[in-house]
Amino acid sequence: MTSKLFCFLTFSYLVLFSLFVSLSFADSNSTSPVSSVTVCKSTPDPTYCRSVLPNQTTANVYYYSRYSVRKALSQSRKFLMLVDKYLRRNSTLTTSAIRALEDCRLLAGLNMDFLLSSFQTVNSTGRILSSQRAEDIQTFLSAILTNEQTCSDGLQATASAWSIKKGLAVPLANDTKLYSVSLALFTKGWVPRKKKSTAWQPKRKQVGFKNGRLPLKMSSRTRAIYESASRRKLLQSTDNDDEVMVSDIVTVSQDGTGNFTTINDAIAAAPNNSVPADGYFLIYVTEG
């Protein structure tokens, strides 16, 4: 592992259970032939969906879902390369702009991991998944959407990175649409029928970035772990309403020096029934 650490905590997974919409219904005729025009009606942006899916009258929902996830994986790689391109010009960037880009790079890497896991699942079966496995993949695909917004927010909050934001805005927007299509088609094809639950609604304003960083509120123990892993002091906020409460923290490092060696293992260790008011389970991923 290199000595440099990604400086951003994987906030995407922290907010995931707040933003995650409950399971919806899979079609009972997911194996029946359907046109892309018809299948795209179940997505948030049918026009965009039709522009990216092939129009094959003999294809079914499973085919379109696999196609969209595979295309999303390809686009996530391209976005990561684009972010790296900007980072190579770091001699002309401010520290806050570099940090915002590093955040986006980490999130793009997470997106690739989540999409790869999702594609391996949908490519291995043509049947409706178990409730647990379906929820796992929905969690991954929902996290990707949150990661896209987190990247955009971080760049937006860093004034000096605005020129970079302009260069990333279009691919961010298009990729977000594609990820939304992937989530909708996966839900349509693979998620078993389950009673819908009420989506959580925030009771206070959403937290924001300050100078491209996210203010976090931790206990002395979690603060010590964070500062040791990130090698920087925790950002302090004078407004408690702007802080994100962290109940626990784990680190992921491929060389075995962290709590886990893979992101999936860390996610599996996250409490299943936590609520935002109690604080979030935070995962810190090191580079390498």
C-alpha atoms as a PDB file:
ATOM      1  CA  MET A   1       0.000   0.000   0.000  1.00  0.00           C
ATOM      2  CA  THR A   2       1.272   3.495  -0.787  1.00  0.00           C
ATOM      3  CA  SER A   3       1.841   5.935   2.033  1.00  0.00           C
ATOM      4  CA  LYS A   4      -0.771   8.344   0.723  1.00  0.00           C
ATOM      5  CA  LEU A   5      -4.344   7.941   1.938  1.00  0.00           C
ATOM      6  CA  PHE A   6      -7.539   8.962   0.286  1.00  0.00           C
ATOM      7  CA  CYS A   7      -8.643  11.837   2.472  1.00  0.00           C
ATOM      8  CA  PHE A   8     -12.388  11.295   2.211  1.00  0.00           C
ATOM      9  CA  LEU A   9     -14.542   9.065   4.359  1.00  0.00           C
ATOM     10  CA  THR A  10     -17.070   6.981   2.522  1.00  0.00           C
ATOM     11  CA  PHE A  11     -20.025   9.108   3.519  1.00  0.00           C
ATOM     12  CA  SER A  12     -22.087   7.527   0.780  1.00  0.00           C
ATOM     13  CA  TYR A  13     -22.633   4.419   2.816  1.00  0.00           C
ATOM     14  CA  LEU A  14     -23.391   6.468   5.899  1.00  0.00           C
ATOM     15  CA  VAL A  15     -26.401   8.136   4.321  1.00  0.00           C
ATOM     16  CA  LEU A  16     -27.478   5.132   2.341  1.00  0.00           C
ATOM     17  CA  PHE A  17     -30.066   3.823   4.769  1.00  0.00           C
ATOM     18  CA  SER A  18     -31.559   7.314   4.978  1.00  0.00           C
ATOM     19  CA  LEU A  19     -31.921   7.635   1.224  1.00  0.00           C
ATOM     20  CA  PHE A  20     -32.612   4.030   0.319  1.00  0.00           C
ATOM     21  CA  VAL A  21     -36.128   3.538  -1.023  1.00  0.00           C
ATOM     22  CA  SER A  22     -37.806   0.289  -0.111  1.00  0.00           C
ATOM     23  CA  LEU A  23     -37.979  -2.726  -2.388  1.00  0.00           C
ATOM     24  CA  SER A  24     -40.540  -2.540  -5.152  1.00  0.00           C
ATOM     25  CA  PHE A  25     -42.014  -5.296  -7.267  1.00  0.00           C
ATOM     26  CA  ALA A  26     -40.328  -7.444  -9.880  1.00  0.00           C
ATOM     27  CA  ASP A  27     -42.312  -8.269 -12.979  1.00  0.00           C
ATOM     28  CA  SER A  28     -43.623 -11.805 -13.102  1.00  0.00           C
ATOM     29  CA  ASN A  29     -42.895 -11.843 -16.867  1.00  0.00           C
ATOM     30  CA  SER A  30     -39.271 -10.685 -16.698  1.00  0.00           C
ATOM     31  CA  THR A  31     -38.319 -13.388 -19.211  1.00  0.00           C
ATOM     32  CA  SER A  32     -40.903 -12.312 -21.800  1.00  0.00           C
ATOM     33  CA  PRO A  33     -39.699 -10.355 -24.860  1.00  0.00           C
ATOM     34  CA  VAL A  34     -40.213  -6.610 -24.525  1.00  0.00           C
ATOM     35  CA  SER A  35     -39.059  -3.555 -26.464  1.00  0.00           C
ATOM     36  CA  SER A  36     -36.739  -0.956 -24.959  1.00  0.00           C
ATOM     37  CA  VAL A  37     -39.524   1.621 -25.369  1.00  0.00           C
ATOM     38  CA  THR A  38     -41.740  -0.412 -23.068  1.00  0.00           C
ATOM     39  CA  VAL A  39     -39.125  -1.368 -20.508  1.00  0.00           C
ATOM     40  CA  CYS A  40     -37.872   2.217 -20.252  1.00  0.00           C
ATOM     41  CA  LYS A  41     -41.278   3.363 -19.024  1.00  0.00           C
ATOM     42  CA  SER A  42     -40.348   1.883 -15.645  1.00  0.00           C
ATOM     43  CA  THR A  43     -37.256   4.122 -15.311  1.00  0.00           C
ATOM     44  CA  PRO A  44     -36.977   7.694 -13.960  1.00  0.00           C
ATOM     45  CA  ASP A  45     -35.976   9.086 -17.378  1.00  0.00           C
ATOM     46  CA  PRO A  46     -37.546   7.043 -20.210  1.00  0.00           C
ATOM     47  CA  THR A  47     -36.119   9.288 -22.937  1.00  0.00           C
ATOM     48  CA  TYR A  48     -32.559   8.891 -21.704  1.00  0.00           C
ATOM     49  CA  CYS A  49     -33.140   5.181 -21.108  1.00  0.00           C
ATOM     50  CA  ARG A  50     -34.195   4.662 -24.726  1.00  0.00           C
ATOM     51  CA  SER A  51     -31.078   6.487 -25.905  1.00  0.00           C
ATOM     52  CA  VAL A  52     -28.727   4.031 -24.172  1.00  0.00           C
ATOM     53  CA  LEU A  53     -30.537   0.702 -24.547  1.00  0.00           C
ATOM     54  CA  PRO A  54     -30.572  -1.305 -27.782  1.00  0.00           C
ATOM     55  CA  ASN A  55     -34.035  -1.751 -29.253  1.00  0.00           C
ATOM     56  CA  GLN A  56     -34.314  -5.507 -29.582  1.00  0.00           C
ATOM     57  CA  THR A  57     -37.784  -6.995 -29.799  1.00  0.00           C
ATOM     58  CA  THR A  58     -36.504 -10.390 -28.646  1.00  0.00           C
ATOM     59  CA  ALA A  59     -34.816  -9.078 -25.488  1.00  0.00           C
ATOM     60  CA  ASN A  60     -36.268  -9.318 -21.985  1.00  0.00           C
ATOM     61  CA  VAL A  61     -35.924  -7.312 -18.783  1.00  0.00           C
ATOM     62  CA  TYR A  62     -32.946  -9.382 -17.654  1.00  0.00           C
ATOM     63  CA  TYR A  63     -31.080  -8.624 -20.876  1.00  0.00           C
ATOM     64  CA  TYR A  64     -31.703  -4.876 -20.624  1.00  0.00           C
ATOM     65  CA  SER A  65     -30.719  -4.841 -16.964  1.00  0.00           C
ATOM     66  CA  ARG A  66     -27.453  -6.659 -17.640  1.00  0.00           C
ATOM     67  CA  TYR A  67     -26.749  -4.311 -20.541  1.00  0.00           C
ATOM     68  CA  SER A  68     -27.321  -1.199 -18.419  1.00  0.00           C
ATOM     69  CA  VAL A  69     -25.154  -2.427 -15.538  1.00  0.00           C
ATOM     70  CA  ARG A  70     -22.362  -3.410 -17.929  1.00  0.00           C
ATOM     71  CA  LYS A  71     -22.533   0.011 -19.601  1.00  0.00           C
ATOM     72  CA  ALA A  72     -22.587   1.697 -16.177  1.00  0.00           C
ATOM     73  CA  LEU A  73     -19.424  -0.191 -15.209  1.00  0.00           C
ATOM     74  CA  SER A  74     -17.724   1.002 -18.390  1.00  0.00           C
ATOM     75  CA  GLN A  75     -18.785   4.603 -17.763  1.00  0.00           C
ATOM     76  CA  SER A  76     -17.541   4.489 -14.172  1.00  0.00           C
ATOM     77  CA  ARG A  77     -14.088   3.521 -15.454  1.00  0.00           C
ATOM     78  CA  LYS A  78     -14.118   6.413 -17.916  1.00  0.00           C
ATOM     79  CA  PHE A  79     -15.101   8.861 -15.190  1.00  0.00           C
ATOM     80  CA  LEU A  80     -12.310   7.633 -12.935  1.00  0.00           C
ATOM     81  CA  MET A  81      -9.841   8.191 -15.769  1.00  0.00           C
ATOM     82  CA  LEU A  82     -11.213  11.703 -16.280  1.00  0.00           C
ATOM     83  CA  VAL A  83     -10.749  12.560 -12.604  1.00  0.00           C
ATOM     84  CA  ASP A  84      -7.191  11.209 -12.724  1.00  0.00           C
ATOM     85  CA  LYS A  85      -6.564  13.414 -15.752  1.00  0.00           C
ATOM     86  CA  TYR A  86      -7.462  16.507 -13.718  1.00  0.00           C
ATOM     87  CA  LEU A  87      -5.412  15.336 -10.748  1.00  0.00           C
ATOM     88  CA  ARG A  88      -2.330  15.049 -12.933  1.00  0.00           C
ATOM     89  CA  ARG A  89      -2.599  18.804 -13.373  1.00  0.00           C
ATOM     90  CA  ASN A  90      -2.345  19.335  -9.614  1.00  0.00           C
ATOM     91  CA  SER A  91       0.368  21.976  -9.975  1.00  0.00           C
ATOM     92  CA  THR A  92      -2.347  24.393 -11.079  1.00  0.00           C
ATOM     93  CA  LEU A  93      -4.908  23.341  -8.464  1.00  0.00           C
ATOM     94  CA  THR A  94      -5.533  24.568  -4.947  1.00  0.00           C
ATOM     95  CA  THR A  95      -5.365  22.160  -2.022  1.00  0.00           C
ATOM     96  CA  SER A  96      -9.153  22.204  -1.631  1.00  0.00           C
ATOM     97  CA  ALA A  97      -9.634  21.429  -5.321  1.00  0.00           C
ATOM     98  CA  ILE A  98      -7.223  18.495  -5.108  1.00  0.00           C
ATOM     99  CA  ARG A  99      -9.055  17.153  -2.067  1.00  0.00           C
ATOM    100  CA  ALA A 100     -12.409  17.439  -3.818  1.00  0.00           C
ATOM    101  CA  LEU A 101     -11.021  15.526  -6.793  1.00  0.00           C
ATOM    102  CA  GLU A 102      -9.517  12.874  -4.525  1.00  0.00           C
ATOM    103  CA  ASP A 103     -12.945  12.475  -2.967  1.00  0.00           C
ATOM    104  CA  CYS A 104     -14.444  11.949  -6.416  1.00  0.00           C
ATOM    105  CA  ARG A 105     -11.706   9.480  -7.295  1.00  0.00           C
ATOM    106  CA  LEU A 106     -12.387   7.403  -4.210  1.00  0.00           C
ATOM    107  CA  LEU A 107     -16.120   7.474  -4.828  1.00  0.00           C
ATOM    108  CA  ALA A 108     -15.609   6.500  -8.465  1.00  0.00           C
ATOM    109  CA  GLY A 109     -13.508   3.559  -7.300  1.00  0.00           C
ATOM    110  CA  LEU A 110     -16.253   2.496  -4.918  1.00  0.00           C
ATOM    111  CA  ASN A 111     -18.776   2.775  -7.734  1.00  0.00           C
ATOM    112  CA  MET A 112     -16.685   0.442  -9.864  1.00  0.00           C
ATOM    113  CA  ASP A 113     -16.538  -2.095  -7.021  1.00  0.00           C
ATOM    114  CA  PHE A 114     -20.297  -1.902  -6.470  1.00  0.00           C
ATOM    115  CA  LEU A 115     -21.063  -2.171 -10.184  1.00  0.00           C
ATOM    116  CA  LEU A 116     -18.716  -5.111 -10.656  1.00  0.00           C
ATOM    117  CA  SER A 117     -20.377  -6.966  -7.790  1.00  0.00           C
ATOM    118  CA  SER A 118     -23.800  -6.108  -9.209  1.00  0.00           C
ATOM    119  CA  PHE A 119     -22.890  -7.243 -12.713  1.00  0.00           C
ATOM    120  CA  GLN A 120     -21.464 -10.526 -11.462  1.00  0.00           C
ATOM    121  CA  THR A 121     -24.776 -11.183  -9.744  1.00  0.00           C
ATOM    122  CA  VAL A 122     -27.108 -10.292 -12.621  1.00  0.00           C
ATOM    123  CA  ASN A 123     -24.888 -12.066 -15.139  1.00  0.00           C
ATOM    124  CA  SER A 124     -24.987 -15.317 -13.191  1.00  0.00           C
ATOM    125  CA  THR A 125     -28.730 -15.866 -13.008  1.00  0.00           C
ATOM    126  CA  GLY A 126     -31.948 -15.318 -14.906  1.00  0.00           C
ATOM    127  CA  ARG A 127     -34.202 -15.733 -11.901  1.00  0.00           C
ATOM    128  CA  ILE A 128     -35.621 -13.430  -9.269  1.00  0.00           C
ATOM    129  CA  LEU A 129     -33.117 -13.167  -6.425  1.00  0.00           C
ATOM    130  CA  SER A 130     -33.615 -13.902  -2.758  1.00  0.00           C
ATOM    131  CA  SER A 131     -34.804 -10.915  -0.747  1.00  0.00           C
ATOM    132  CA  GLN A 132     -31.424 -10.566   0.983  1.00  0.00           C
ATOM    133  CA  ARG A 133     -29.355 -10.701  -2.196  1.00  0.00           C
ATOM    134  CA  ALA A 134     -31.716  -8.389  -4.050  1.00  0.00           C
ATOM    135  CA  GLU A 135     -31.510  -5.887  -1.221  1.00  0.00           C
ATOM    136  CA  ASP A 136     -27.702  -6.097  -1.260  1.00  0.00           C
ATOM    137  CA  ILE A 137     -27.571  -5.172  -4.949  1.00  0.00           C
ATOM    138  CA  GLN A 138     -30.169  -2.439  -4.541  1.00  0.00           C
ATOM    139  CA  THR A 139     -28.017  -1.111  -1.736  1.00  0.00           C
ATOM    140  CA  PHE A 140     -24.960  -1.032  -4.000  1.00  0.00           C
ATOM    141  CA  LEU A 141     -26.806   0.662  -6.858  1.00  0.00           C
ATOM    142  CA  SER A 142     -28.410   3.187  -4.511  1.00  0.00           C
ATOM    143  CA  ALA A 143     -25.017   3.943  -2.967  1.00  0.00           C
ATOM    144  CA  ILE A 144     -23.648   4.738  -6.422  1.00  0.00           C
ATOM    145  CA  LEU A 145     -26.281   7.431  -6.905  1.00  0.00           C
ATOM    146  CA  THR A 146     -25.408   8.908  -3.529  1.00  0.00           C
ATOM    147  CA  ASN A 147     -21.703   8.820  -4.394  1.00  0.00           C
ATOM    148  CA  GLU A 148     -22.366  10.779  -7.588  1.00  0.00           C
ATOM    149  CA  GLN A 149     -24.191  13.473  -5.644  1.00  0.00           C
ATOM    150  CA  THR A 150     -21.485  13.535  -2.984  1.00  0.00           C
ATOM    151  CA  CYS A 151     -18.805  14.072  -5.633  1.00  0.00           C
ATOM    152  CA  SER A 152     -20.818  16.855  -7.237  1.00  0.00           C
ATOM    153  CA  ASP A 153     -21.507  18.536  -3.893  1.00  0.00           C
ATOM    154  CA  GLY A 154     -17.842  18.430  -2.936  1.00  0.00           C
ATOM    155  CA  LEU A 155     -16.793  20.121  -6.165  1.00  0.00           C
ATOM    156  CA  GLN A 156     -19.625  22.627  -5.944  1.00  0.00           C
ATOM    157  CA  ALA A 157     -18.598  23.629  -2.414  1.00  0.00           C
ATOM    158  CA  THR A 158     -15.044  24.327  -3.522  1.00  0.00           C
ATOM    159  CA  ALA A 159     -15.106  27.605  -5.423  1.00  0.00           C
ATOM    160  CA  SER A 160     -11.600  27.146  -6.800  1.00  0.00           C
ATOM    161  CA  ALA A 161     -12.665  23.841  -8.321  1.00  0.00           C
ATOM    162  CA  TRP A 162     -15.484  25.388 -10.339  1.00  0.00           C
ATOM    163  CA  SER A 163     -13.549  25.169 -13.600  1.00  0.00           C
ATOM    164  CA  ILE A 164     -13.071  21.465 -12.871  1.00  0.00           C
ATOM    165  CA  LYS A 165     -16.736  21.108 -11.980  1.00  0.00           C
ATOM    166  CA  LYS A 166     -17.677  22.420 -15.404  1.00  0.00           C
ATOM    167  CA  GLY A 167     -15.535  19.746 -17.023  1.00  0.00           C
ATOM    168  CA  LEU A 168     -17.071  16.999 -14.881  1.00  0.00           C
ATOM    169  CA  ALA A 169     -20.654  18.244 -14.737  1.00  0.00           C
ATOM    170  CA  VAL A 170     -21.866  16.648 -17.967  1.00  0.00           C
ATOM    171  CA  PRO A 171     -20.358  13.184 -17.380  1.00  0.00           C
ATOM    172  CA  LEU A 172     -21.584  13.292 -13.767  1.00  0.00           C
ATOM    173  CA  ALA A 173     -25.118  14.109 -14.902  1.00  0.00           C
ATOM    174  CA  ASN A 174     -25.158  11.487 -17.649  1.00  0.00           C
ATOM    175  CA  ASP A 175     -23.647   8.811 -15.432  1.00  0.00           C
ATOM    176  CA  THR A 176     -26.219   9.550 -12.734  1.00  0.00           C
ATOM    177  CA  LYS A 177     -29.007   9.031 -15.268  1.00  0.00           C
ATOM    178  CA  LEU A 178     -27.440   5.754 -16.362  1.00  0.00           C
ATOM    179  CA  TYR A 179     -27.087   4.536 -12.771  1.00  0.00           C
ATOM    180  CA  SER A 180     -30.742   5.423 -12.153  1.00  0.00           C
ATOM    181  CA  VAL A 181     -31.723   3.347 -15.179  1.00  0.00           C
ATOM    182  CA  SER A 182     -29.629   0.432 -13.912  1.00  0.00           C
ATOM    183  CA  LEU A 183     -31.284   0.564 -10.494  1.00  0.00           C
ATOM    184  CA  ALA A 184     -34.785   0.748 -11.972  1.00  0.00           C
ATOM    185  CA  LEU A 185     -34.234  -2.136 -14.388  1.00  0.00           C
ATOM    186  CA  PHE A 186     -32.604  -4.282 -11.722  1.00  0.00           C
ATOM    187  CA  THR A 187     -35.566  -3.680  -9.440  1.00  0.00           C
ATOM    188  CA  LYS A 188     -37.979  -4.520 -12.247  1.00  0.00           C
ATOM    189  CA  GLY A 189     -36.272  -7.785 -13.095  1.00  0.00           C
ATOM    190  CA  TRP A 190     -34.641  -9.257 -10.016  1.00  0.00           C
ATOM    191  CA  VAL A 191     -36.279  -7.939  -6.857  1.00  0.00           C
ATOM    192  CA  PRO A 192     -38.886 -10.264  -5.311  1.00  0.00           C
ATOM    193  CA  ARG A 193     -42.292  -9.002  -4.288  1.00  0.00           C
ATOM    194  CA  LYS A 194     -42.208  -7.434  -0.883  1.00  0.00           C
ATOM    195  CA  LYS A 195     -44.397  -5.014   0.972  1.00  0.00           C
ATOM    196  CA  LYS A 196     -43.191  -1.470   0.540  1.00  0.00           C
ATOM    197  CA  SER A 197     -42.133   0.431   3.614  1.00  0.00           C
ATOM    198  CA  THR A 198     -42.244   4.158   4.160  1.00  0.00           C
ATOM    199  CA  ALA A 199     -39.159   5.983   2.982  1.00  0.00           C
ATOM    200  CA  TRP A 200     -37.380   7.992   5.633  1.00  0.00           C
ATOM    201  CA  GLN A 201     -37.794  11.743   5.358  1.00  0.00           C
ATOM    202  CA  PRO A 202     -35.170  14.100   6.844  1.00  0.00           C
ATOM    203  CA  LYS A 203     -36.373  16.023   9.873  1.00  0.00           C
ATOM    204  CA  ARG A 204     -33.798  18.763   9.482  1.00  0.00           C
ATOM    205  CA  LYS A 205     -31.857  20.387   6.701  1.00  0.00           C
ATOM    206  CA  GLN A 206     -29.334  18.284   4.847  1.00  0.00           C
ATOM    207  CA  VAL A 207     -25.725  18.646   5.859  1.00  0.00           C
ATOM    208  CA  GLY A 208     -23.372  20.323   3.449  1.00  0.00           C
ATOM    209  CA  PHE A 209     -19.709  20.559   2.584  1.00  0.00           C
ATOM    210  CA  LYS A 210     -17.433  23.280   3.901  1.00  0.00           C
ATOM    211  CA  ASN A 211     -14.416  24.073   1.784  1.00  0.00           C
ATOM    212  CA  GLY A 212     -14.953  20.783   0.002  1.00  0.00           C
ATOM    213  CA  ARG A 213     -15.000  18.743   3.233  1.00  0.00           C
ATOM    214  CA  LEU A 214     -17.808  17.214   5.235  1.00  0.00           C
ATOM    215  CA  PRO A 215     -18.062  18.181   8.947  1.00  0.00           C
ATOM    216  CA  LEU A 216     -18.274  15.096  11.157  1.00  0.00           C
ATOM    217  CA  LYS A 217     -19.105  14.747  14.841  1.00  0.00           C
ATOM    218  CA  MET A 218     -17.406  11.858  16.664  1.00  0.00           C
ATOM    219  CA  SER A 219     -16.554  10.548  20.082  1.00  0.00           C
ATOM    220  CA  SER A 220     -12.948  10.833  21.231  1.00  0.00           C
ATOM    221  CA  ARG A 221     -12.371   7.174  20.298  1.00  0.00           C
ATOM    222  CA  THR A 222     -13.712   7.426  16.757  1.00  0.00           C
ATOM    223  CA  ARG A 223     -11.986  10.787  16.329  1.00  0.00           C
ATOM    224  CA  ALA A 224      -8.645   9.222  17.239  1.00  0.00           C
ATOM    225  CA  ILE A 225      -9.152   6.422  14.705  1.00  0.00           C
ATOM    226  CA  TYR A 226     -10.124   8.895  11.995  1.00  0.00           C
ATOM    227  CA  GLU A 227      -7.205  11.240  12.616  1.00  0.00           C
ATOM    228  CA  SER A 228      -4.761   8.331  12.724  1.00  0.00           C
ATOM    229  CA  ALA A 229      -6.021   6.892   9.432  1.00  0.00           C
ATOM    230  CA  SER A 230      -6.392  10.183   7.591  1.00  0.00           C
ATOM    231  CA  ARG A 231      -3.347  11.874   9.138  1.00  0.00           C
ATOM    232  CA  ARG A 232      -5.253  15.091   9.534  1.00  0.00           C
ATOM    233  CA  LYS A 233      -7.349  16.794  12.178  1.00  0.00           C
ATOM    234  CA  LEU A 234     -11.102  16.409  12.054  1.00  0.00           C
ATOM    235  CA  LEU A 235     -12.941  19.368  10.548  1.00  0.00           C
ATOM    236  CA  GLN A 236     -14.708  21.256  13.324  1.00  0.00           C
ATOM    237  CA  SER A 237     -18.026  23.065  12.893  1.00  0.00           C
ATOM    238  CA  THR A 238     -19.479  25.855  15.003  1.00  0.00           C
ATOM    239  CA  ASP A 239     -22.996  24.834  13.977  1.00  0.00           C
ATOM    240  CA  ASN A 240     -24.033  21.482  15.423  1.00  0.00           C
ATOM    241  CA  ASP A 241     -26.897  21.239  12.905  1.00  0.00           C
ATOM    242  CA  ASP A 242     -24.336  21.073  10.097  1.00  0.00           C
ATOM    243  CA  GLU A 243     -22.504  18.073  11.531  1.00  0.00           C
ATOM    244  CA  VAL A 244     -22.960  14.410  10.701  1.00  0.00           C
ATOM    245  CA  MET A 245     -23.059  12.232  13.807  1.00  0.00           C
ATOM    246  CA  VAL A 246     -20.795   9.182  13.573  1.00  0.00           C
ATOM    247  CA  SER A 247     -21.523   6.331  15.966  1.00  0.00           C
ATOM    248  CA  ASP A 248     -18.679   4.035  14.901  1.00  0.00           C
ATOM    249  CA  ILE A 249     -15.850   3.823  12.391  1.00  0.00           C
ATOM    250  CA  VAL A 250     -13.924   1.010  10.709  1.00  0.00           C
ATOM    251  CA  THR A 251     -11.027   1.138   8.282  1.00  0.00           C
ATOM    252  CA  VAL A 252     -10.452  -0.852   5.094  1.00  0.00           C
ATOM    253  CA  SER A 253      -6.919  -1.587   3.926  1.00  0.00           C
ATOM    254  CA  GLN A 254      -5.772  -4.205   1.442  1.00  0.00           C
ATOM    255  CA  ASP A 255      -2.513  -4.792   3.323  1.00  0.00           C
ATOM    256  CA  GLY A 256      -4.343  -5.996   6.432  1.00  0.00           C
ATOM    257  CA  THR A 257      -3.529  -3.017   8.661  1.00  0.00           C
ATOM    258  CA  GLY A 258      -7.186  -1.959   8.867  1.00  0.00           C
ATOM    259  CA  ASN A 259     -10.239  -3.615  10.365  1.00  0.00           C
ATOM    260  CA  PHE A 260     -11.101  -5.172   6.997  1.00  0.00           C
ATOM    261  CA  THR A 261      -9.331  -5.881   3.725  1.00  0.00           C
ATOM    262  CA  THR A 262     -12.366  -5.416   1.453  1.00  0.00           C
ATOM    263  CA  ILE A 263     -15.155  -2.862   1.280  1.00  0.00           C
ATOM    264  CA  ASN A 264     -17.800  -5.574   1.050  1.00  0.00           C
ATOM    265  CA  ASP A 265     -16.664  -7.081   4.364  1.00  0.00           C
ATOM    266  CA  ALA A 266     -16.863  -3.673   6.022  1.00  0.00           C
ATOM    267  CA  ILE A 267     -20.344  -3.072   4.632  1.00  0.00           C
ATOM    268  CA  ALA A 268     -21.431  -6.501   5.841  1.00  0.00           C
ATOM    269  CA  ALA A 269     -20.342  -5.502   9.351  1.00  0.00           C
ATOM    270  CA  ALA A 270     -22.528  -2.392   9.347  1.00  0.00           C
ATOM    271  CA  PRO A 271     -25.531  -2.552  11.693  1.00  0.00           C
ATOM    272  CA  ASN A 272     -28.735  -3.366   9.815  1.00  0.00           C
ATOM    273  CA  ASN A 273     -31.260  -1.560  11.983  1.00  0.00           C
ATOM    274  CA  SER A 274     -29.510   1.716  12.713  1.00  0.00           C
ATOM    275  CA  VAL A 275     -31.337   5.035  12.393  1.00  0.00           C
ATOM    276  CA  PRO A 276     -29.786   8.403  11.452  1.00  0.00           C
ATOM    277  CA  ALA A 277     -30.555   9.942  14.845  1.00  0.00           C
ATOM    278  CA  ASP A 278     -28.221   7.429  16.521  1.00  0.00           C
ATOM    279  CA  GLY A 279     -25.335   8.287  14.228  1.00  0.00           C
ATOM    280  CA  TYR A 280     -23.846   6.637  11.163  1.00  0.00           C
ATOM    281  CA  PHE A 281     -21.508   3.681  10.742  1.00  0.00           C
ATOM    282  CA  LEU A 282     -18.544   5.138   8.901  1.00  0.00           C
ATOM    283  CA  ILE A 283     -16.167   3.271   6.599  1.00  0.00           C
ATOM    284  CA  TYR A 284     -12.747   4.751   5.852  1.00  0.00           C
ATOM    285  CA  VAL A 285     -10.960   3.297   2.838  1.00  0.00           C
ATOM    286  CA  THR A 286      -7.208   3.708   2.382  1.00  0.00           C
ATOM    287  CA  GLU A 287      -5.519   3.854  -0.990  1.00  0.00           C
ATOM    288  CA  GLY A 288      -3.725   0.789  -2.233  1.00  0.00           C
END
